[in-house]
Protein backbone atom coordinates (compact mmCIF):
# COMPACT_ATOMS: atom_id res chain seq x y z
CA MET A 1 83.79 4.15 -34.00
CA LYS A 2 84.33 4.91 -30.32
CA THR A 3 82.92 8.42 -30.77
CA ARG A 4 79.71 7.02 -32.24
CA GLN A 5 79.28 4.61 -29.35
CA LEU A 6 79.81 7.38 -26.80
CA LEU A 7 77.37 9.63 -28.63
CA ALA A 8 74.76 6.84 -28.79
CA LEU A 9 75.25 6.07 -25.10
CA GLY A 10 74.95 9.75 -24.19
CA LEU A 11 71.71 10.11 -26.18
CA ALA A 12 70.27 6.96 -24.61
CA VAL A 13 71.06 8.21 -21.10
CA ALA A 14 69.60 11.65 -21.84
CA PHE A 15 66.42 10.17 -23.32
CA THR A 16 65.98 7.73 -20.43
CA GLY A 17 66.53 10.47 -17.88
CA ALA A 18 63.95 12.75 -19.50
CA THR A 19 61.40 9.92 -19.74
CA MET A 20 61.90 8.86 -16.12
CA SER A 21 61.61 12.46 -14.94
CA ALA A 22 58.30 12.89 -16.76
CA THR A 23 57.03 9.57 -15.37
CA LEU A 24 57.99 10.48 -11.81
CA ASP A 25 56.30 13.88 -12.18
CA ALA A 26 53.10 12.18 -13.38
CA VAL A 27 53.13 9.77 -10.43
CA ALA A 28 53.80 12.60 -7.98
CA GLN A 29 50.85 14.60 -9.36
CA GLN A 30 48.27 11.80 -9.01
CA THR A 31 45.20 12.88 -7.09
CA ALA A 32 42.25 11.06 -5.59
CA THR A 33 38.51 11.67 -5.98
CA LEU A 34 35.99 10.86 -3.27
CA GLY A 35 32.26 10.98 -3.94
CA GLY A 36 28.89 9.50 -3.11
CA THR A 37 25.50 10.35 -1.66
CA ALA A 38 24.00 11.46 1.66
CA LYS A 39 20.27 10.87 1.03
CA LYS A 40 19.88 8.70 4.13
CA GLU A 41 21.14 11.40 6.50
CA ALA A 42 20.42 14.75 4.83
CA LYS A 43 16.95 16.27 4.55
CA LYS A 44 15.64 18.39 1.69
CA PRO A 45 16.81 20.85 0.60
CA TYR A 46 20.02 18.86 0.28
CA THR A 47 21.97 21.95 -0.74
CA ASP A 48 21.75 23.11 2.90
CA TYR A 49 24.20 20.31 3.79
CA THR A 50 27.94 20.28 3.23
CA VAL A 51 30.42 17.45 2.91
CA ARG A 52 33.84 17.94 4.46
CA ILE A 53 36.74 15.62 3.65
CA ARG A 54 39.28 15.29 6.46
CA ASN A 55 42.75 13.73 6.21
CA VAL A 56 42.91 11.06 8.92
CA GLN A 57 46.66 11.22 9.50
CA GLN A 58 46.95 15.01 9.65
CA GLY A 59 43.47 15.91 10.92
CA GLN A 60 43.30 18.69 8.34
CA VAL A 61 40.34 19.46 6.10
CA ALA A 62 41.26 18.54 2.53
CA GLY A 63 38.06 19.66 0.83
CA THR A 64 34.58 21.04 1.47
CA LEU A 65 31.63 20.96 -0.90
CA PRO A 66 27.85 21.47 -0.59
CA LEU A 67 25.63 18.58 -1.62
CA ASP A 68 23.92 18.97 -4.96
CA THR A 69 20.12 18.87 -5.39
CA ASP A 70 20.22 15.04 -5.44
CA ALA A 71 22.27 14.81 -2.20
CA LYS A 72 25.37 13.77 -4.17
CA PHE A 73 28.93 15.00 -3.82
CA THR A 74 32.26 14.61 -5.60
CA VAL A 75 35.47 16.05 -4.19
CA PRO A 76 38.33 15.80 -6.71
CA ASN A 77 42.03 16.67 -6.54
CA LEU A 78 42.72 15.14 -3.12
CA PRO A 79 46.29 14.09 -2.37
CA PRO A 80 46.43 10.30 -1.90
CA ALA A 81 45.84 9.64 1.83
CA GLN A 82 43.25 8.21 4.22
CA TYR A 83 40.11 10.32 4.59
CA VAL A 84 36.88 10.48 6.53
CA VAL A 85 33.77 12.12 5.10
CA GLU A 86 31.88 14.43 7.44
CA LEU A 87 28.31 15.55 6.71
CA LEU A 88 27.57 19.01 8.12
CA ASN A 89 24.14 20.61 8.55
CA HIS A 90 23.33 24.24 7.74
CA ASP A 91 24.69 25.29 11.16
CA GLY A 92 28.06 23.68 10.45
CA LYS A 93 27.49 20.89 12.99
CA VAL A 94 28.68 17.38 12.13
CA VAL A 95 25.64 15.18 11.50
CA CYS A 96 27.48 12.04 10.54
CA THR A 97 30.93 10.69 9.68
CA GLU A 98 31.81 7.86 7.27
CA GLY A 99 35.15 6.21 6.73
CA PRO A 100 38.06 6.05 6.87
CA PHE A 101 38.70 5.50 3.18
CA ASP A 102 42.20 4.57 2.00
CA MET A 103 42.77 6.67 -1.10
CA THR A 104 46.47 5.80 -1.43
CA HIS A 105 45.93 2.78 -3.69
CA GLN A 106 42.39 3.36 -4.94
CA LEU A 107 42.38 6.86 -6.40
CA ILE A 108 38.66 7.01 -7.23
CA LYS A 109 35.88 6.07 -4.83
CA ASP A 110 32.47 7.28 -5.94
CA ASP A 111 30.15 5.02 -3.93
CA VAL A 112 30.37 6.49 -0.42
CA ASP A 113 26.94 6.17 1.19
CA ILE A 114 26.64 8.42 4.23
CA SER A 115 24.39 6.38 6.49
CA CYS A 116 25.21 6.70 10.17
CA ASN A 117 22.17 4.86 11.50
CA HIS A 118 23.43 1.51 10.26
CA VAL A 119 25.50 -0.86 12.36
CA PRO A 120 28.59 -2.12 10.51
CA ALA A 121 28.81 -5.87 9.96
CA ALA A 122 31.98 -6.01 12.07
CA TRP A 123 30.02 -4.78 15.11
CA TRP A 124 27.39 -7.49 14.55
CA LEU A 125 30.15 -10.10 14.55
CA VAL A 126 31.72 -8.73 17.72
CA GLY A 127 28.29 -8.66 19.40
CA ALA A 128 27.53 -12.24 18.37
CA ALA A 129 30.92 -13.44 19.62
CA ALA A 130 30.41 -11.66 22.94
CA ALA A 131 26.93 -13.14 23.33
CA ALA A 132 28.26 -16.62 22.59
CA GLY A 133 31.03 -16.15 25.16
CA ILE A 134 28.60 -14.97 27.84
CA THR A 135 26.26 -17.86 27.13
CA ALA A 136 29.12 -20.37 27.32
CA GLY A 137 30.28 -18.83 30.61
CA VAL A 138 26.80 -18.98 32.13
CA LEU A 139 26.29 -22.59 31.07
CA SER A 140 29.67 -23.72 32.38
CA ALA A 141 29.11 -21.93 35.72
CA SER A 142 25.64 -23.43 36.23
CA PRO A 143 25.53 -26.26 38.75
CA SER A 144 24.87 -29.57 37.07
CA ARG A 145 22.13 -31.80 38.34
């Protein structure tokens, strides 16, 4: 009876170890995909423009891809990290940068809209707060009548 229990225990440990190893390998091989469009910044022909994905922490280029005929791009097989998307013109000059995008928890982001002429909402809030502070300072410093 003891031999059977040891054999069963040994098989259970071996099976669990093999399953965990396969699971850990699958997690370690997860990749991210970053995609979107650059119609607001690129001019036709869109294929003259290139998208470059840069790892924020390392500063290294993780992927480069020309825009398609509809100004869209998809860069797959990126290691999970934080990335910025750089739009390059036909001379290789950076036209615009979007991001950073945290691709460590969200492995697929396909709605990046490269639009560098817009002002992010956070900047509007900072500007409004600054204006309110200046106005309050001016009013409190004004002599009262």
